[in-house]
Amino acid sequence: HPEVKFVWAQGVNIAYNCNKLVREMSGEWLWLLGDDHTFKPDTLLRLMAHDVDVVVPFCLMRKPPYLPVLYDAKEGERFRVWLPPEGSNGLQEVYAVGTAGMLIKRKVFEAIPAPWFEVGRIHTDELSEDLTFCEKAGAEGFDIYVDLQAKMGHCTTSIIWPHAVEDEWSV
């Protein structure tokens, strides 16, 4: 498609890579994807059709307990995981989200002073550039949404190791 430009950012510093992509952005949207994401071919068009400032597909954390990467509030320094109510679908507003498949309009970056993404402490020892971005966007009056019908997966690995009991294995 002539209106789509794919850019590969290399390295493990996610905040640096996201900020670099914003600085080099040439269109009206930035879609952030990691190399560990899986999604259906229509995901980007589906997210764009909502025409909101920040939206993500529904995604779970890569590690157990595999909770949604969705938050409905911040209590002190902790973000409270948002669990979609039974039977809910479609577009839902949330407080913060992970960057997995995050689609952001240019005007959000124009309203927030650089750096847009910074590593900040959440929970106990985890670091997250996505949640600091969401806080900055929210402070500027931008709403953040999740499309519960658009799904994005994480590729992950499992470690298999024998238990102390002979012939028992765990994943």
N, C-alpha and C. Protein backbone atom coordinates (compact mmCIF):
# COMPACT_ATOMS: atom_id res chain seq x y z
N HIS A 1 0.85 -1.18 0.00
CA HIS A 1 0.00 0.00 0.00
C HIS A 1 0.89 1.23 0.00
N PRO A 2 0.70 2.20 -0.91
CA PRO A 2 1.61 3.34 -1.03
C PRO A 2 1.57 4.31 0.15
N GLU A 3 0.53 4.25 0.99
CA GLU A 3 0.44 5.18 2.11
C GLU A 3 1.01 4.61 3.40
N VAL A 4 1.55 3.42 3.34
CA VAL A 4 2.09 2.77 4.54
C VAL A 4 3.60 2.66 4.41
N LYS A 5 4.30 3.02 5.47
CA LYS A 5 5.75 2.93 5.50
C LYS A 5 6.14 2.10 6.72
N PHE A 6 6.92 1.04 6.51
CA PHE A 6 7.38 0.22 7.60
C PHE A 6 8.80 0.60 7.96
N VAL A 7 9.06 0.79 9.26
CA VAL A 7 10.39 1.15 9.74
C VAL A 7 10.78 0.19 10.83
N TRP A 8 11.97 -0.36 10.73
CA TRP A 8 12.48 -1.31 11.71
C TRP A 8 13.43 -0.58 12.65
N ALA A 9 13.15 -0.61 13.94
CA ALA A 9 14.04 -0.03 14.95
C ALA A 9 14.74 -1.18 15.65
N GLN A 10 16.06 -1.14 15.67
CA GLN A 10 16.82 -2.25 16.26
C GLN A 10 17.34 -1.88 17.64
N GLY A 11 17.49 -2.88 18.47
CA GLY A 11 18.04 -2.69 19.80
C GLY A 11 17.02 -3.02 20.86
N VAL A 12 17.49 -3.13 22.09
CA VAL A 12 16.62 -3.53 23.18
C VAL A 12 16.06 -2.35 23.98
N ASN A 13 16.50 -1.14 23.69
CA ASN A 13 16.00 0.03 24.42
C ASN A 13 14.70 0.49 23.77
N ILE A 14 13.58 0.00 24.30
CA ILE A 14 12.28 0.25 23.69
C ILE A 14 11.93 1.73 23.71
N ALA A 15 12.17 2.41 24.83
CA ALA A 15 11.85 3.84 24.92
C ALA A 15 12.63 4.63 23.86
N TYR A 16 13.92 4.33 23.72
CA TYR A 16 14.74 5.00 22.71
C TYR A 16 14.19 4.76 21.31
N ASN A 17 13.86 3.50 21.01
CA ASN A 17 13.34 3.16 19.69
C ASN A 17 12.01 3.85 19.41
N CYS A 18 11.11 3.87 20.40
CA CYS A 18 9.82 4.53 20.20
C CYS A 18 10.01 6.03 19.94
N ASN A 19 10.87 6.68 20.72
CA ASN A 19 11.12 8.10 20.51
C ASN A 19 11.74 8.37 19.14
N LYS A 20 12.62 7.48 18.71
CA LYS A 20 13.23 7.61 17.38
C LYS A 20 12.17 7.50 16.29
N LEU A 21 11.26 6.55 16.45
CA LEU A 21 10.19 6.39 15.46
C LEU A 21 9.29 7.62 15.41
N VAL A 22 9.01 8.22 16.56
CA VAL A 22 8.20 9.44 16.57
C VAL A 22 8.93 10.56 15.83
N ARG A 23 10.21 10.74 16.11
CA ARG A 23 10.99 11.82 15.45
C ARG A 23 11.04 11.62 13.94
N GLU A 24 11.06 10.37 13.48
CA GLU A 24 11.17 10.08 12.05
C GLU A 24 9.81 9.87 11.38
N MET A 25 8.75 10.03 12.13
CA MET A 25 7.40 9.78 11.64
C MET A 25 7.07 10.73 10.49
N SER A 26 6.49 10.19 9.42
CA SER A 26 6.17 11.02 8.25
C SER A 26 4.67 11.06 7.95
N GLY A 27 3.88 10.24 8.60
CA GLY A 27 2.45 10.20 8.33
C GLY A 27 1.63 10.72 9.49
N GLU A 28 0.36 10.38 9.47
CA GLU A 28 -0.56 10.84 10.51
C GLU A 28 -0.74 9.84 11.64
N TRP A 29 -0.23 8.64 11.47
CA TRP A 29 -0.38 7.59 12.47
C TRP A 29 0.96 6.91 12.72
N LEU A 30 1.16 6.44 13.93
CA LEU A 30 2.29 5.58 14.25
C LEU A 30 1.73 4.33 14.89
N TRP A 31 2.07 3.16 14.34
CA TRP A 31 1.62 1.88 14.88
C TRP A 31 2.83 1.17 15.44
N LEU A 32 2.84 0.96 16.75
CA LEU A 32 3.98 0.34 17.42
C LEU A 32 3.78 -1.17 17.54
N LEU A 33 4.73 -1.90 17.03
CA LEU A 33 4.70 -3.37 17.09
C LEU A 33 6.04 -3.86 17.57
N GLY A 34 6.02 -4.89 18.39
CA GLY A 34 7.25 -5.56 18.76
C GLY A 34 7.48 -6.74 17.85
N ASP A 35 8.67 -7.28 17.89
CA ASP A 35 8.96 -8.45 17.04
C ASP A 35 8.40 -9.73 17.65
N ASP A 36 7.70 -9.60 18.78
CA ASP A 36 7.09 -10.77 19.42
C ASP A 36 5.57 -10.73 19.37
N HIS A 37 4.99 -9.99 18.43
CA HIS A 37 3.53 -9.86 18.34
C HIS A 37 2.97 -10.63 17.15
N THR A 38 1.78 -11.17 17.34
CA THR A 38 1.04 -11.82 16.26
C THR A 38 -0.33 -11.15 16.19
N PHE A 39 -0.87 -11.05 14.97
CA PHE A 39 -2.15 -10.36 14.80
C PHE A 39 -2.75 -10.73 13.46
N LYS A 40 -4.05 -10.48 13.33
CA LYS A 40 -4.75 -10.74 12.08
C LYS A 40 -4.42 -9.65 11.06
N PRO A 41 -4.50 -9.97 9.77
CA PRO A 41 -4.14 -8.99 8.74
C PRO A 41 -4.96 -7.69 8.76
N ASP A 42 -6.18 -7.73 9.25
CA ASP A 42 -7.02 -6.53 9.24
C ASP A 42 -6.90 -5.66 10.50
N THR A 43 -5.99 -6.02 11.39
CA THR A 43 -5.90 -5.32 12.68
C THR A 43 -5.65 -3.83 12.53
N LEU A 44 -4.68 -3.44 11.73
CA LEU A 44 -4.36 -2.02 11.58
C LEU A 44 -5.56 -1.25 11.02
N LEU A 45 -6.18 -1.74 9.97
CA LEU A 45 -7.33 -1.04 9.39
C LEU A 45 -8.48 -0.96 10.38
N ARG A 46 -8.67 -2.00 11.16
CA ARG A 46 -9.72 -2.00 12.18
C ARG A 46 -9.47 -0.90 13.22
N LEU A 47 -8.22 -0.81 13.69
CA LEU A 47 -7.89 0.22 14.68
C LEU A 47 -8.03 1.62 14.10
N MET A 48 -7.59 1.82 12.87
CA MET A 48 -7.70 3.13 12.22
C MET A 48 -9.16 3.55 12.04
N ALA A 49 -10.04 2.60 11.79
CA ALA A 49 -11.45 2.90 11.56
C ALA A 49 -12.11 3.54 12.78
N HIS A 50 -11.57 3.30 13.97
CA HIS A 50 -12.13 3.92 15.18
C HIS A 50 -11.90 5.43 15.19
N ASP A 51 -10.85 5.89 14.53
CA ASP A 51 -10.52 7.31 14.44
C ASP A 51 -10.44 7.98 15.82
N VAL A 52 -9.76 7.30 16.76
CA VAL A 52 -9.50 7.87 18.07
C VAL A 52 -8.00 8.15 18.18
N ASP A 53 -7.61 8.89 19.20
CA ASP A 53 -6.22 9.35 19.30
C ASP A 53 -5.23 8.25 19.68
N VAL A 54 -5.62 7.36 20.58
CA VAL A 54 -4.76 6.25 21.00
C VAL A 54 -5.64 5.01 21.16
N VAL A 55 -5.26 3.91 20.49
CA VAL A 55 -6.04 2.68 20.59
C VAL A 55 -5.10 1.49 20.44
N VAL A 56 -5.43 0.42 21.15
CA VAL A 56 -4.66 -0.83 21.06
C VAL A 56 -5.62 -1.99 20.85
N PRO A 57 -5.12 -3.09 20.27
CA PRO A 57 -5.90 -4.33 20.27
C PRO A 57 -5.79 -4.98 21.66
N PHE A 58 -6.68 -5.88 21.95
CA PHE A 58 -6.67 -6.61 23.22
C PHE A 58 -5.46 -7.53 23.23
N CYS A 59 -4.62 -7.42 24.26
CA CYS A 59 -3.39 -8.21 24.33
C CYS A 59 -3.16 -8.64 25.78
N LEU A 60 -2.60 -9.82 25.95
CA LEU A 60 -2.26 -10.34 27.27
C LEU A 60 -0.76 -10.23 27.50
N MET A 61 -0.37 -10.19 28.76
CA MET A 61 1.05 -10.17 29.11
C MET A 61 1.74 -11.44 28.63
N ARG A 62 3.04 -11.35 28.37
CA ARG A 62 3.80 -12.49 27.87
C ARG A 62 4.09 -13.53 28.95
N LYS A 63 3.99 -13.12 30.20
CA LYS A 63 4.35 -14.01 31.30
C LYS A 63 3.14 -14.29 32.17
N PRO A 64 3.16 -15.43 32.88
CA PRO A 64 2.05 -15.73 33.79
C PRO A 64 1.91 -14.60 34.81
N PRO A 65 0.72 -14.28 35.19
CA PRO A 65 -0.54 -15.01 35.00
C PRO A 65 -1.29 -14.60 33.73
N TYR A 66 -0.64 -14.03 32.73
CA TYR A 66 -1.22 -13.68 31.44
C TYR A 66 -2.44 -12.77 31.56
N LEU A 67 -2.29 -11.73 32.36
CA LEU A 67 -3.36 -10.74 32.52
C LEU A 67 -3.39 -9.80 31.32
N PRO A 68 -4.51 -9.12 31.10
CA PRO A 68 -4.55 -8.12 30.02
C PRO A 68 -3.56 -6.99 30.29
N VAL A 69 -2.99 -6.45 29.23
CA VAL A 69 -2.09 -5.30 29.35
C VAL A 69 -2.96 -4.04 29.26
N LEU A 70 -3.88 -3.94 30.19
CA LEU A 70 -4.88 -2.87 30.26
C LEU A 70 -5.01 -2.44 31.71
N TYR A 71 -5.12 -1.13 31.93
CA TYR A 71 -5.18 -0.61 33.28
C TYR A 71 -6.29 0.43 33.37
N ASP A 72 -7.05 0.38 34.49
CA ASP A 72 -8.16 1.31 34.62
C ASP A 72 -7.89 2.43 35.62
N ALA A 73 -6.80 2.36 36.35
CA ALA A 73 -6.48 3.42 37.32
C ALA A 73 -5.06 3.24 37.82
N LYS A 74 -4.60 4.26 38.49
CA LYS A 74 -3.30 4.20 39.16
C LYS A 74 -3.56 4.46 40.64
N GLU A 75 -3.10 3.55 41.46
CA GLU A 75 -3.25 3.68 42.91
C GLU A 75 -1.86 3.80 43.51
N GLY A 76 -1.48 5.01 43.89
CA GLY A 76 -0.11 5.25 44.34
C GLY A 76 0.83 5.07 43.16
N GLU A 77 1.76 4.15 43.29
CA GLU A 77 2.69 3.87 42.19
C GLU A 77 2.28 2.65 41.37
N ARG A 78 1.20 2.01 41.74
CA ARG A 78 0.78 0.79 41.06
C ARG A 78 -0.36 1.07 40.09
N PHE A 79 -0.29 0.44 38.93
CA PHE A 79 -1.37 0.50 37.96
C PHE A 79 -2.29 -0.70 38.22
N ARG A 80 -3.59 -0.46 38.22
CA ARG A 80 -4.56 -1.52 38.49
C ARG A 80 -5.00 -2.15 37.16
N VAL A 81 -4.76 -3.45 37.03
CA VAL A 81 -5.12 -4.17 35.81
C VAL A 81 -6.64 -4.11 35.63
N TRP A 82 -7.05 -3.84 34.39
CA TRP A 82 -8.47 -3.80 34.05
C TRP A 82 -8.85 -5.12 33.40
N LEU A 83 -9.83 -5.78 33.97
CA LEU A 83 -10.35 -7.02 33.40
C LEU A 83 -11.67 -6.69 32.72
N PRO A 84 -11.78 -6.94 31.42
CA PRO A 84 -13.04 -6.65 30.73
C PRO A 84 -14.19 -7.40 31.37
N PRO A 85 -15.32 -6.72 31.60
CA PRO A 85 -16.49 -7.42 32.15
C PRO A 85 -16.95 -8.54 31.21
N GLU A 86 -17.48 -9.57 31.78
CA GLU A 86 -17.98 -10.71 31.00
C GLU A 86 -18.92 -10.21 29.91
N GLY A 87 -18.68 -10.65 28.69
CA GLY A 87 -19.55 -10.30 27.56
C GLY A 87 -19.27 -8.95 26.92
N SER A 88 -18.30 -8.20 27.45
CA SER A 88 -18.02 -6.89 26.84
C SER A 88 -17.24 -7.09 25.54
N ASN A 89 -17.45 -6.19 24.61
CA ASN A 89 -16.70 -6.23 23.35
C ASN A 89 -16.65 -4.83 22.76
N GLY A 90 -15.98 -4.69 21.65
CA GLY A 90 -15.88 -3.39 21.00
C GLY A 90 -14.89 -2.47 21.68
N LEU A 91 -15.07 -1.19 21.47
CA LEU A 91 -14.16 -0.16 21.95
C LEU A 91 -14.48 0.20 23.40
N GLN A 92 -13.44 0.17 24.26
CA GLN A 92 -13.59 0.50 25.67
C GLN A 92 -12.50 1.51 26.06
N GLU A 93 -12.87 2.53 26.81
CA GLU A 93 -11.88 3.49 27.29
C GLU A 93 -11.20 2.92 28.53
N VAL A 94 -9.88 3.10 28.62
CA VAL A 94 -9.09 2.65 29.76
C VAL A 94 -8.12 3.75 30.16
N TYR A 95 -7.48 3.60 31.30
CA TYR A 95 -6.53 4.59 31.81
C TYR A 95 -5.18 4.49 31.11
N ALA A 96 -4.70 3.27 30.93
CA ALA A 96 -3.39 3.05 30.31
C ALA A 96 -3.36 1.67 29.68
N VAL A 97 -2.44 1.50 28.73
CA VAL A 97 -2.31 0.25 27.99
C VAL A 97 -0.84 -0.02 27.70
N GLY A 98 -0.57 -1.24 27.28
CA GLY A 98 0.77 -1.57 26.80
C GLY A 98 0.91 -1.13 25.35
N THR A 99 2.14 -1.04 24.87
CA THR A 99 2.36 -0.57 23.49
C THR A 99 2.13 -1.64 22.44
N ALA A 100 1.76 -2.85 22.81
CA ALA A 100 1.54 -3.91 21.84
C ALA A 100 0.46 -3.51 20.84
N GLY A 101 0.88 -3.11 19.65
CA GLY A 101 -0.07 -2.71 18.62
C GLY A 101 -0.69 -1.35 18.84
N MET A 102 -0.07 -0.51 19.67
CA MET A 102 -0.62 0.82 19.97
C MET A 102 -0.59 1.69 18.71
N LEU A 103 -1.76 2.22 18.36
CA LEU A 103 -1.89 3.12 17.21
C LEU A 103 -2.12 4.52 17.77
N ILE A 104 -1.28 5.45 17.34
CA ILE A 104 -1.28 6.80 17.91
C ILE A 104 -1.32 7.83 16.79
N LYS A 105 -2.20 8.82 16.93
CA LYS A 105 -2.27 9.92 15.96
C LYS A 105 -1.12 10.91 16.21
N ARG A 106 -0.67 11.53 15.15
CA ARG A 106 0.42 12.51 15.20
C ARG A 106 0.13 13.62 16.21
N LYS A 107 -1.11 14.09 16.28
CA LYS A 107 -1.42 15.22 17.14
C LYS A 107 -1.14 14.93 18.62
N VAL A 108 -1.13 13.66 19.01
CA VAL A 108 -0.80 13.30 20.38
C VAL A 108 0.67 13.64 20.64
N PHE A 109 1.54 13.28 19.71
CA PHE A 109 2.97 13.57 19.86
C PHE A 109 3.24 15.08 19.79
N GLU A 110 2.45 15.79 19.00
CA GLU A 110 2.63 17.24 18.90
C GLU A 110 2.24 17.94 20.20
N ALA A 111 1.35 17.34 20.98
CA ALA A 111 0.89 17.95 22.23
C ALA A 111 1.78 17.62 23.43
N ILE A 112 2.54 16.55 23.33
CA ILE A 112 3.38 16.10 24.44
C ILE A 112 4.83 16.49 24.17
N PRO A 113 5.49 17.15 25.11
CA PRO A 113 6.91 17.45 24.90
C PRO A 113 7.76 16.17 24.89
N ALA A 114 8.79 16.15 24.06
CA ALA A 114 9.72 15.02 24.03
C ALA A 114 10.51 14.99 25.34
N PRO A 115 10.92 13.82 25.78
CA PRO A 115 10.70 12.51 25.18
C PRO A 115 9.28 12.00 25.47
N TRP A 116 8.69 11.40 24.49
CA TRP A 116 7.33 10.89 24.61
C TRP A 116 7.28 9.62 25.44
N PHE A 117 8.30 8.79 25.27
CA PHE A 117 8.39 7.51 25.98
C PHE A 117 9.60 7.57 26.91
N GLU A 118 9.38 7.28 28.18
CA GLU A 118 10.46 7.23 29.17
C GLU A 118 10.27 6.00 30.03
N VAL A 119 11.35 5.45 30.49
CA VAL A 119 11.28 4.29 31.36
C VAL A 119 10.91 4.79 32.74
N GLY A 120 9.84 4.22 33.29
CA GLY A 120 9.40 4.57 34.63
C GLY A 120 9.14 3.32 35.43
N ARG A 121 9.23 3.40 36.72
CA ARG A 121 9.02 2.22 37.57
C ARG A 121 7.53 2.01 37.81
N ILE A 122 7.11 0.75 37.66
CA ILE A 122 5.75 0.36 38.03
C ILE A 122 5.85 -0.86 38.92
N HIS A 123 4.82 -1.11 39.64
CA HIS A 123 4.76 -2.25 40.55
C HIS A 123 6.01 -2.27 41.43
N THR A 124 6.83 -3.26 41.34
CA THR A 124 7.99 -3.34 42.22
C THR A 124 9.28 -3.12 41.44
N ASP A 125 9.60 -3.99 40.53
CA ASP A 125 10.87 -3.84 39.81
C ASP A 125 10.70 -3.77 38.31
N GLU A 126 9.45 -3.72 37.83
CA GLU A 126 9.22 -3.68 36.39
C GLU A 126 9.41 -2.26 35.87
N LEU A 127 9.80 -2.14 34.63
CA LEU A 127 9.95 -0.85 33.98
C LEU A 127 9.00 -0.80 32.80
N SER A 128 8.46 0.39 32.54
CA SER A 128 7.50 0.45 31.45
C SER A 128 7.47 1.83 30.81
N GLU A 129 7.83 1.87 29.55
CA GLU A 129 7.75 3.11 28.77
C GLU A 129 6.33 3.37 28.27
N ASP A 130 5.54 2.32 28.11
CA ASP A 130 4.18 2.47 27.61
C ASP A 130 3.27 3.17 28.61
N LEU A 131 3.43 2.85 29.88
CA LEU A 131 2.57 3.45 30.88
C LEU A 131 2.93 4.91 31.14
N THR A 132 4.21 5.24 31.06
CA THR A 132 4.57 6.66 31.21
C THR A 132 4.02 7.46 30.02
N PHE A 133 4.03 6.88 28.82
CA PHE A 133 3.43 7.56 27.66
C PHE A 133 1.94 7.79 27.88
N CYS A 134 1.24 6.77 28.36
CA CYS A 134 -0.20 6.90 28.59
C CYS A 134 -0.51 7.99 29.61
N GLU A 135 0.30 8.07 30.64
CA GLU A 135 0.08 9.13 31.63
C GLU A 135 0.27 10.51 31.01
N LYS A 136 1.29 10.66 30.17
CA LYS A 136 1.51 11.94 29.50
C LYS A 136 0.36 12.28 28.55
N ALA A 137 -0.10 11.29 27.79
CA ALA A 137 -1.21 11.52 26.86
C ALA A 137 -2.47 11.88 27.63
N GLY A 138 -2.75 11.17 28.71
CA GLY A 138 -3.92 11.46 29.53
C GLY A 138 -3.86 12.85 30.14
N ALA A 139 -2.68 13.27 30.57
CA ALA A 139 -2.51 14.60 31.16
C ALA A 139 -2.79 15.70 30.14
N GLU A 140 -2.60 15.39 28.87
CA GLU A 140 -2.87 16.37 27.80
C GLU A 140 -4.31 16.27 27.29
N GLY A 141 -5.12 15.42 27.92
CA GLY A 141 -6.53 15.32 27.58
C GLY A 141 -6.89 14.29 26.52
N PHE A 142 -5.95 13.43 26.16
CA PHE A 142 -6.23 12.40 25.17
C PHE A 142 -6.80 11.15 25.84
N ASP A 143 -7.81 10.57 25.23
CA ASP A 143 -8.41 9.34 25.73
C ASP A 143 -7.68 8.15 25.13
N ILE A 144 -7.66 7.06 25.87
CA ILE A 144 -6.97 5.84 25.45
C ILE A 144 -7.99 4.71 25.42
N TYR A 145 -7.95 3.96 24.33
CA TYR A 145 -8.96 2.91 24.11
C TYR A 145 -8.32 1.56 23.80
N VAL A 146 -9.11 0.52 24.05
CA VAL A 146 -8.78 -0.82 23.63
C VAL A 146 -9.95 -1.33 22.79
N ASP A 147 -9.64 -2.02 21.72
CA ASP A 147 -10.64 -2.70 20.91
C ASP A 147 -10.61 -4.16 21.34
N LEU A 148 -11.61 -4.58 22.09
CA LEU A 148 -11.63 -5.93 22.64
C LEU A 148 -11.84 -7.01 21.59
N GLN A 149 -12.29 -6.62 20.40
CA GLN A 149 -12.49 -7.61 19.34
C GLN A 149 -11.25 -7.78 18.47
N ALA A 150 -10.37 -6.79 18.49
CA ALA A 150 -9.09 -6.91 17.79
C ALA A 150 -8.12 -7.58 18.76
N LYS A 151 -7.56 -8.68 18.39
CA LYS A 151 -6.69 -9.44 19.29
C LYS A 151 -5.25 -9.38 18.80
N MET A 152 -4.32 -9.26 19.75
CA MET A 152 -2.90 -9.31 19.43
C MET A 152 -2.26 -10.28 20.39
N GLY A 153 -1.47 -11.20 19.85
CA GLY A 153 -0.81 -12.19 20.69
C GLY A 153 0.66 -11.87 20.90
N HIS A 154 1.25 -12.56 21.85
CA HIS A 154 2.68 -12.49 22.12
C HIS A 154 3.30 -13.84 21.81
N CYS A 155 4.39 -13.85 21.09
CA CYS A 155 5.17 -15.07 20.94
C CYS A 155 6.02 -15.18 22.20
N THR A 156 6.10 -16.34 22.75
CA THR A 156 6.86 -16.51 23.98
C THR A 156 7.45 -17.91 24.01
N THR A 157 8.31 -18.14 24.97
CA THR A 157 8.90 -19.46 25.13
C THR A 157 8.53 -20.00 26.49
N SER A 158 8.59 -21.29 26.62
CA SER A 158 8.38 -21.94 27.91
C SER A 158 9.63 -22.73 28.26
N ILE A 159 9.92 -22.76 29.53
CA ILE A 159 11.05 -23.56 30.00
C ILE A 159 10.48 -24.85 30.57
N ILE A 160 10.99 -25.94 30.10
CA ILE A 160 10.55 -27.24 30.59
C ILE A 160 11.69 -27.82 31.41
N TRP A 161 11.38 -28.21 32.64
CA TRP A 161 12.42 -28.69 33.53
C TRP A 161 11.85 -29.82 34.38
N PRO A 162 12.64 -30.86 34.63
CA PRO A 162 12.11 -31.97 35.44
C PRO A 162 11.92 -31.55 36.89
N HIS A 163 10.85 -32.06 37.50
CA HIS A 163 10.61 -31.87 38.94
C HIS A 163 11.55 -32.77 39.71
N ALA A 164 11.57 -32.57 41.01
CA ALA A 164 12.37 -33.45 41.88
C ALA A 164 11.82 -34.88 41.84
N VAL A 165 10.51 -34.99 41.61
CA VAL A 165 9.89 -36.31 41.54
C VAL A 165 10.21 -36.91 40.18
N GLU A 166 10.71 -38.11 40.16
CA GLU A 166 11.10 -38.75 38.92
C GLU A 166 9.93 -38.85 37.95
N ASP A 167 10.20 -38.59 36.67
CA ASP A 167 9.25 -38.69 35.58
C ASP A 167 8.16 -37.62 35.57
N GLU A 168 8.29 -36.55 36.35
CA GLU A 168 7.33 -35.44 36.26
C GLU A 168 8.01 -34.25 35.60
N TRP A 169 7.28 -33.62 34.71
CA TRP A 169 7.81 -32.45 33.99
C TRP A 169 6.84 -31.30 34.13
N SER A 170 7.35 -30.10 34.03
CA SER A 170 6.48 -28.93 34.12
C SER A 170 6.77 -28.00 32.96
N VAL A 171 5.78 -27.19 32.64
CA VAL A 171 5.92 -26.17 31.59
C VAL A 171 5.75 -24.83 32.26
